[in-house]
Amino acid sequence: MVTTLDDTKRSALGVKLADIKAIQNLLISNEQKFISEINDQEIRDRFEHMLEDDQKNLGVLDTVIVQYGVQGEPKDTIKQMVDKLQQLMQGSELTIYEKVFQHELLKHQQVMSGLTVHKAAQKIGADVLAAIAPLNTINFENRAHQEQLKGVLEVLGVRELTGQEVDQGIWGRVQDAMAALSGVVGSVVTQTSDKQDMNIQDIIRMDHAKVNTLFTQVAATDDPQKLQEYFGQIYKDLLAHAEAEEQVVYPAVRPFYGESDTTELYDEQAEMKQMLDEIKASDPAATDEFKSKIRKLMDAVGDHIRQEESTMFAAIRDNMSSDQSEQLATQFKSAKSQIQQKMS
């Protein structure tokens, strides 16, 4: 059996990511209801923009979960909370102001959960931090949404209490707060450059970055237990990555990348799998020999990465539209997720 890194901690983080996804789906459902129920065009526009962000961020979150590689289920308390809030949002017990107020609290919960995951990742391992990096985009946008929701709540609250309109200068103050937030938070988190989903090159590149981080961690230790754990994570990550590429990516690129070049990629991964099995059967207590085998694997993976990120990526850019590349990324993530579930 392959030992993996800090199984208890990593499983707990997997559950937390599943909690965040459950809340993300609730946020999307709420915003769709607000758009249909609120007549104020200014507020509707703001919810439409939030909905666009949150739908995109659901895809980013799926990417994070697949990159992380540990499948979890939301806690029962989160499932119960989501069910209760869905009932309240659909019913007439709450006013629209109270519904939006609950929505703002959910945004705050998402922000704090996202920041907690980021801080926990710093303690668990560098490879985890690399895997969950896109979560920073969601954290930033949820924090920006909070500022907008404060303005929405002020408008709705004044109308509900007085029947009159609030000073519309509130939106200027909201924009100023968001600009200040962008200056502070934007400097320390990674934001996407546009609203598009990540393409297949982005997703594969993230896999490559994570395994390179693990190789760096192997090089930095002579502890047999840590060597076994780091290799265990490399083993799982590389196998899931390779199988998903062979199921989805290589058949898609073969027509324009060429028969010989595509076959070479298959052959390189077959060799890599043999090396993984050889290392799996080795004793990490024989530190020098064990690390030597991992260095050979690292060299083989490095050559493979260079080919994919240069010639294969160039072929994809030249022969696939953005939509096709993004669709391929979605198929790759789905295949990889299924492979990870079978492996676990």
Protein backbone atom coordinates (compact mmCIF):
# COMPACT_ATOMS: atom_id res chain seq x y z
CA MET A 1 0.00 0.00 0.00
CA VAL A 2 1.30 3.44 -0.92
CA THR A 3 1.54 5.79 2.05
CA THR A 4 0.34 9.32 1.35
CA LEU A 5 1.14 12.56 3.06
CA ASP A 6 -0.61 13.45 6.34
CA ASP A 7 -3.74 11.48 5.50
CA THR A 8 -5.77 12.82 8.46
CA LYS A 9 -4.99 16.45 7.75
CA ARG A 10 -5.48 16.06 4.02
CA SER A 11 -8.80 14.30 4.48
CA ALA A 12 -10.00 17.08 6.77
CA LEU A 13 -9.03 19.66 4.16
CA GLY A 14 -10.89 17.64 1.52
CA VAL A 15 -14.05 17.83 3.65
CA LYS A 16 -13.61 21.59 4.06
CA LEU A 17 -13.35 22.02 0.28
CA ALA A 18 -16.53 19.97 -0.11
CA ASP A 19 -18.22 22.27 2.44
CA ILE A 20 -17.16 25.30 0.42
CA LYS A 21 -18.55 23.75 -2.77
CA ALA A 22 -21.92 23.06 -1.12
CA ILE A 23 -22.14 26.71 -0.04
CA GLN A 24 -21.04 27.87 -3.49
CA ASN A 25 -23.95 26.03 -5.07
CA LEU A 26 -26.31 27.64 -2.55
CA LEU A 27 -24.95 31.11 -3.39
CA ILE A 28 -25.64 30.51 -7.07
CA SER A 29 -29.18 29.32 -6.33
CA ASN A 30 -29.84 32.37 -4.13
CA GLU A 31 -28.61 34.83 -6.74
CA GLN A 32 -30.78 33.25 -9.42
CA LYS A 33 -33.80 33.75 -7.14
CA PHE A 34 -32.86 37.36 -6.35
CA ILE A 35 -32.59 38.20 -10.04
CA SER A 36 -36.09 36.89 -10.66
CA GLU A 37 -37.65 38.47 -7.55
CA ILE A 38 -36.09 41.95 -7.38
CA ASN A 39 -37.44 44.65 -9.67
CA ASP A 40 -34.72 47.27 -9.06
CA GLN A 41 -32.56 47.15 -12.20
CA GLU A 42 -29.45 48.49 -10.42
CA ILE A 43 -29.60 45.70 -7.84
CA ARG A 44 -30.50 43.08 -10.46
CA ASP A 45 -27.42 44.07 -12.47
CA ARG A 46 -25.21 43.62 -9.43
CA PHE A 47 -26.64 40.18 -8.71
CA GLU A 48 -26.20 39.21 -12.36
CA HIS A 49 -22.52 40.11 -12.15
CA MET A 50 -22.17 38.21 -8.87
CA LEU A 51 -23.90 35.21 -10.44
CA GLU A 52 -21.48 35.29 -13.37
CA ASP A 53 -18.55 35.36 -10.94
CA ASP A 54 -19.96 32.60 -8.77
CA GLN A 55 -20.72 30.28 -11.68
CA LYS A 56 -17.16 30.76 -12.93
CA ASN A 57 -15.81 30.24 -9.40
CA LEU A 58 -17.71 26.97 -9.08
CA GLY A 59 -15.60 25.74 -12.00
CA VAL A 60 -12.46 27.08 -10.31
CA LEU A 61 -13.43 25.26 -7.14
CA ASP A 62 -13.90 22.01 -9.06
CA THR A 63 -10.39 22.53 -10.44
CA VAL A 64 -8.99 23.03 -6.94
CA ILE A 65 -10.66 19.86 -5.66
CA VAL A 66 -9.33 17.78 -8.56
CA GLN A 67 -5.85 19.30 -8.22
CA TYR A 68 -5.90 18.60 -4.50
CA GLY A 69 -6.79 14.99 -5.24
CA VAL A 70 -8.68 14.14 -2.04
CA GLN A 71 -12.41 13.67 -2.56
CA GLY A 72 -14.56 14.64 0.42
CA GLU A 73 -18.23 14.96 1.34
CA PRO A 74 -19.72 18.01 3.06
CA LYS A 75 -20.30 17.64 6.79
CA ASP A 76 -23.83 16.75 7.85
CA THR A 77 -24.17 20.10 9.60
CA ILE A 78 -23.37 21.92 6.34
CA LYS A 79 -25.89 19.80 4.43
CA GLN A 80 -28.55 20.56 7.05
CA MET A 81 -27.75 24.28 6.96
CA VAL A 82 -27.95 24.36 3.16
CA ASP A 83 -31.31 22.55 3.19
CA LYS A 84 -32.74 24.94 5.80
CA LEU A 85 -31.55 28.05 3.96
CA GLN A 86 -32.92 26.76 0.66
CA GLN A 87 -36.32 26.40 2.31
CA LEU A 88 -36.14 29.91 3.77
CA MET A 89 -35.06 31.43 0.45
CA GLN A 90 -37.96 29.75 -1.34
CA GLY A 91 -40.54 30.63 1.30
CA SER A 92 -42.19 33.85 2.47
CA GLU A 93 -41.06 33.80 6.11
CA LEU A 94 -38.17 36.18 5.35
CA THR A 95 -38.38 39.55 3.64
CA ILE A 96 -36.13 40.18 0.64
CA TYR A 97 -33.87 42.26 2.92
CA GLU A 98 -33.57 39.33 5.35
CA LYS A 99 -32.85 36.91 2.51
CA VAL A 100 -30.06 39.10 1.15
CA PHE A 101 -28.75 39.52 4.71
CA GLN A 102 -28.44 35.71 5.01
CA HIS A 103 -26.74 35.68 1.63
CA GLU A 104 -24.15 38.21 2.82
CA LEU A 105 -23.45 36.00 5.85
CA LEU A 106 -22.84 33.07 3.51
CA LYS A 107 -20.35 35.18 1.56
CA HIS A 108 -18.56 35.97 4.80
CA GLN A 109 -18.49 32.25 5.63
CA GLN A 110 -16.97 31.49 2.22
CA VAL A 111 -14.28 34.13 2.68
CA MET A 112 -13.27 32.81 6.10
CA SER A 113 -13.37 29.18 4.95
CA GLY A 114 -11.24 29.98 1.91
CA LEU A 115 -8.67 31.86 3.99
CA THR A 116 -8.60 29.02 6.55
CA VAL A 117 -7.93 26.45 3.81
CA HIS A 118 -5.11 28.63 2.48
CA LYS A 119 -3.50 28.94 5.92
CA ALA A 120 -3.93 25.22 6.62
CA ALA A 121 -2.30 24.39 3.28
CA GLN A 122 0.77 26.34 4.36
CA LYS A 123 1.09 23.96 7.32
CA ILE A 124 0.30 20.72 5.50
CA GLY A 125 2.71 21.00 2.57
CA ALA A 126 3.99 23.03 -0.35
CA ASP A 127 2.32 20.71 -2.85
CA VAL A 128 -1.06 21.36 -1.18
CA LEU A 129 -0.46 25.09 -1.37
CA ALA A 130 0.26 24.75 -5.10
CA ALA A 131 -2.87 22.68 -5.65
CA ILE A 132 -5.25 25.10 -3.91
CA ALA A 133 -3.71 28.30 -5.30
CA PRO A 134 -6.71 29.13 -7.56
CA LEU A 135 -8.86 29.32 -4.43
CA ASN A 136 -7.35 32.76 -3.84
CA THR A 137 -9.34 34.08 -6.79
CA ILE A 138 -12.57 32.94 -5.18
CA ASN A 139 -11.54 34.45 -1.83
CA PHE A 140 -10.89 37.81 -3.43
CA GLU A 141 -14.13 37.93 -5.40
CA ASN A 142 -16.24 36.82 -2.42
CA ARG A 143 -14.70 39.63 -0.38
CA ALA A 144 -15.54 42.10 -3.15
CA HIS A 145 -19.11 40.75 -3.28
CA GLN A 146 -19.44 41.42 0.44
CA GLU A 147 -18.78 45.11 -0.16
CA GLN A 148 -21.43 45.23 -2.87
CA LEU A 149 -23.94 43.40 -0.68
CA LYS A 150 -23.50 46.01 2.04
CA GLY A 151 -24.78 48.59 -0.43
CA VAL A 152 -27.65 46.35 -1.52
CA LEU A 153 -28.66 45.78 2.10
CA GLU A 154 -28.65 49.48 2.87
CA VAL A 155 -30.96 50.20 -0.09
CA LEU A 156 -33.34 47.33 0.69
CA GLY A 157 -33.35 47.99 4.43
CA VAL A 158 -34.24 51.68 4.10
CA ARG A 159 -37.01 50.88 1.64
CA GLU A 160 -38.42 48.20 3.93
CA LEU A 161 -38.39 50.44 7.02
CA THR A 162 -39.45 53.78 5.51
CA GLY A 163 -40.85 53.12 2.06
CA GLN A 164 -38.41 55.72 0.77
CA GLU A 165 -35.24 55.63 -1.30
CA VAL A 166 -31.80 55.67 0.27
CA ASP A 167 -29.18 58.19 -0.82
CA GLN A 168 -27.81 56.60 -4.00
CA GLY A 169 -24.34 57.85 -3.09
CA ILE A 170 -24.06 54.49 -1.35
CA TRP A 171 -22.89 52.95 -4.63
CA GLY A 172 -20.02 55.39 -4.85
CA ARG A 173 -18.91 54.42 -1.35
CA VAL A 174 -19.17 50.75 -2.28
CA GLN A 175 -16.98 51.28 -5.34
CA ASP A 176 -14.42 53.18 -3.26
CA ALA A 177 -14.32 50.35 -0.73
CA MET A 178 -13.89 47.79 -3.47
CA ALA A 179 -11.07 49.81 -5.03
CA ALA A 180 -9.31 49.97 -1.66
CA LEU A 181 -9.86 46.26 -1.17
CA SER A 182 -8.39 45.55 -4.59
CA GLY A 183 -5.27 47.48 -3.67
CA VAL A 184 -4.78 45.56 -0.43
CA VAL A 185 -5.98 42.07 -1.28
CA GLY A 186 -5.14 42.07 -4.97
CA SER A 187 -1.47 42.39 -4.16
CA VAL A 188 -1.37 39.16 -2.16
CA VAL A 189 -3.73 36.86 -4.03
CA THR A 190 -3.79 35.50 -7.55
CA GLN A 191 -6.62 36.80 -9.70
CA THR A 192 -7.59 35.53 -13.11
CA SER A 193 -6.97 37.96 -15.94
CA ASP A 194 -10.42 37.49 -17.42
CA LYS A 195 -13.73 35.75 -16.87
CA GLN A 196 -12.96 32.71 -18.99
CA ASP A 197 -12.61 29.23 -17.60
CA MET A 198 -9.15 27.69 -17.45
CA ASN A 199 -8.14 25.90 -20.61
CA ILE A 200 -6.49 22.50 -20.89
CA GLN A 201 -3.01 24.04 -20.94
CA ASP A 202 -3.71 25.81 -17.62
CA ILE A 203 -4.94 22.61 -15.97
CA ILE A 204 -2.05 20.45 -17.18
CA ARG A 205 0.45 23.14 -16.21
CA MET A 206 -0.98 23.13 -12.67
CA ASP A 207 -0.46 19.37 -12.44
CA HIS A 208 3.12 19.82 -13.59
CA ALA A 209 3.77 22.53 -10.99
CA LYS A 210 2.41 20.35 -8.19
CA VAL A 211 4.54 17.30 -9.02
CA ASN A 212 7.64 19.49 -9.40
CA THR A 213 6.94 20.84 -5.91
CA LEU A 214 6.83 17.26 -4.60
CA PHE A 215 10.13 16.43 -6.31
CA THR A 216 11.66 19.47 -4.58
CA GLN A 217 10.38 18.20 -1.24
CA VAL A 218 11.92 14.78 -1.89
CA ALA A 219 15.28 16.36 -2.62
CA ALA A 220 15.17 18.30 0.65
CA THR A 221 14.79 15.32 3.04
CA ASP A 222 16.60 12.12 3.98
CA ASP A 223 13.88 10.96 6.38
CA PRO A 224 12.69 7.52 5.11
CA GLN A 225 9.14 8.13 6.35
CA LYS A 226 8.91 11.50 4.58
CA LEU A 227 10.45 10.03 1.44
CA GLN A 228 7.81 7.30 1.41
CA GLU A 229 5.04 9.85 1.99
CA TYR A 230 6.22 12.27 -0.69
CA PHE A 231 6.62 9.44 -3.16
CA GLY A 232 3.15 8.19 -2.27
CA GLN A 233 1.71 11.54 -3.29
CA ILE A 234 3.81 11.60 -6.48
CA TYR A 235 2.60 8.09 -7.29
CA LYS A 236 -1.08 9.00 -6.92
CA ASP A 237 -0.80 12.35 -8.71
CA LEU A 238 1.20 11.10 -11.68
CA LEU A 239 -0.98 8.05 -12.26
CA ALA A 240 -4.22 10.05 -12.15
CA HIS A 241 -2.73 12.71 -14.43
CA ALA A 242 -1.38 10.17 -16.93
CA GLU A 243 -4.59 8.13 -17.09
CA ALA A 244 -6.72 11.25 -17.62
CA GLU A 245 -4.41 12.51 -20.38
CA GLU A 246 -4.51 9.13 -22.12
CA GLN A 247 -8.30 8.97 -21.90
CA VAL A 248 -9.08 12.55 -22.92
CA VAL A 249 -6.20 14.73 -24.10
CA TYR A 250 -4.03 12.56 -26.33
CA PRO A 251 -6.93 11.22 -28.44
CA ALA A 252 -8.13 14.82 -28.92
CA VAL A 253 -4.74 16.19 -30.05
CA ARG A 254 -3.62 13.22 -32.16
CA PRO A 255 -5.27 14.46 -35.43
CA PHE A 256 -3.25 17.69 -35.47
CA TYR A 257 -0.30 16.91 -33.19
CA GLY A 258 0.67 13.92 -35.30
CA GLU A 259 0.77 10.18 -34.89
CA SER A 260 4.47 9.88 -34.03
CA ASP A 261 4.55 12.73 -31.50
CA THR A 262 1.38 11.50 -29.78
CA THR A 263 2.70 7.93 -29.65
CA GLU A 264 5.88 9.28 -28.06
CA LEU A 265 3.81 10.83 -25.26
CA TYR A 266 2.06 7.51 -24.63
CA ASP A 267 5.41 5.70 -24.60
CA GLU A 268 6.95 8.19 -22.18
CA GLN A 269 4.08 7.72 -19.78
CA ALA A 270 4.30 3.93 -20.05
CA GLU A 271 7.97 4.20 -19.05
CA MET A 272 7.03 6.55 -16.21
CA LYS A 273 4.48 4.04 -14.87
CA GLN A 274 7.12 1.30 -14.87
CA MET A 275 9.45 3.56 -12.90
CA LEU A 276 6.67 4.34 -10.42
CA ASP A 277 6.05 0.65 -9.80
CA GLU A 278 9.78 -0.01 -9.40
CA ILE A 279 10.10 2.74 -6.79
CA LYS A 280 6.91 1.56 -5.05
CA ALA A 281 8.59 -1.83 -4.52
CA SER A 282 11.78 -0.22 -3.16
CA ASP A 283 12.73 0.41 0.46
CA PRO A 284 12.90 4.12 1.39
CA ALA A 285 15.20 3.21 4.26
CA ALA A 286 17.88 2.68 1.60
CA THR A 287 17.81 6.43 1.24
CA ASP A 288 20.47 7.01 -1.40
CA GLU A 289 19.15 4.30 -3.72
CA PHE A 290 15.53 5.38 -3.20
CA LYS A 291 16.28 9.04 -3.94
CA SER A 292 18.41 8.07 -6.94
CA LYS A 293 15.44 6.26 -8.48
CA ILE A 294 13.19 9.25 -7.81
CA ARG A 295 15.75 11.56 -9.48
CA LYS A 296 15.63 9.35 -12.59
CA LEU A 297 11.82 9.57 -12.50
CA MET A 298 12.07 13.35 -12.09
CA ASP A 299 14.31 13.58 -15.16
CA ALA A 300 11.91 11.48 -17.23
CA VAL A 301 8.92 13.51 -16.07
CA GLY A 302 10.83 16.73 -16.78
CA ASP A 303 11.48 15.70 -20.38
CA HIS A 304 7.82 14.76 -20.77
CA ILE A 305 6.69 18.09 -19.31
CA ARG A 306 8.94 20.05 -21.65
CA GLN A 307 7.47 18.31 -24.69
CA GLU A 308 3.89 18.87 -23.57
CA GLU A 309 4.36 22.51 -22.58
CA SER A 310 6.23 23.42 -25.76
CA THR A 311 5.15 21.51 -28.84
CA MET A 312 1.85 19.99 -27.66
CA PHE A 313 0.61 23.25 -26.12
CA ALA A 314 1.59 25.13 -29.28
CA ALA A 315 -0.37 22.62 -31.38
CA ILE A 316 -3.41 23.08 -29.16
CA ARG A 317 -3.21 26.88 -29.44
CA ASP A 318 -2.94 26.66 -33.23
CA ASN A 319 -5.69 24.11 -33.77
CA MET A 320 -8.27 24.54 -31.01
CA SER A 321 -10.53 27.46 -30.23
CA SER A 322 -10.71 28.83 -26.68
CA ASP A 323 -14.06 27.13 -26.18
CA GLN A 324 -12.69 23.79 -27.39
CA SER A 325 -9.65 24.04 -25.11
CA GLU A 326 -11.84 24.92 -22.12
CA GLN A 327 -14.20 22.05 -22.92
CA LEU A 328 -11.23 19.68 -23.08
CA ALA A 329 -10.15 20.95 -19.65
CA THR A 330 -13.60 20.15 -18.26
CA GLN A 331 -13.45 16.63 -19.72
CA PHE A 332 -9.93 16.13 -18.34
CA LYS A 333 -10.99 17.24 -14.84
CA SER A 334 -14.02 14.93 -14.93
CA ALA A 335 -11.93 11.95 -16.01
CA LYS A 336 -9.26 12.68 -13.42
CA SER A 337 -11.84 13.01 -10.66
CA GLN A 338 -13.31 9.60 -11.53
CA ILE A 339 -9.83 8.06 -11.59
CA GLN A 340 -9.02 9.56 -8.18
CA GLN A 341 -12.23 8.13 -6.71
CA LYS A 342 -11.36 4.66 -8.00
CA MET A 343 -7.81 4.95 -6.64
CA SER A 344 -9.09 5.90 -3.19
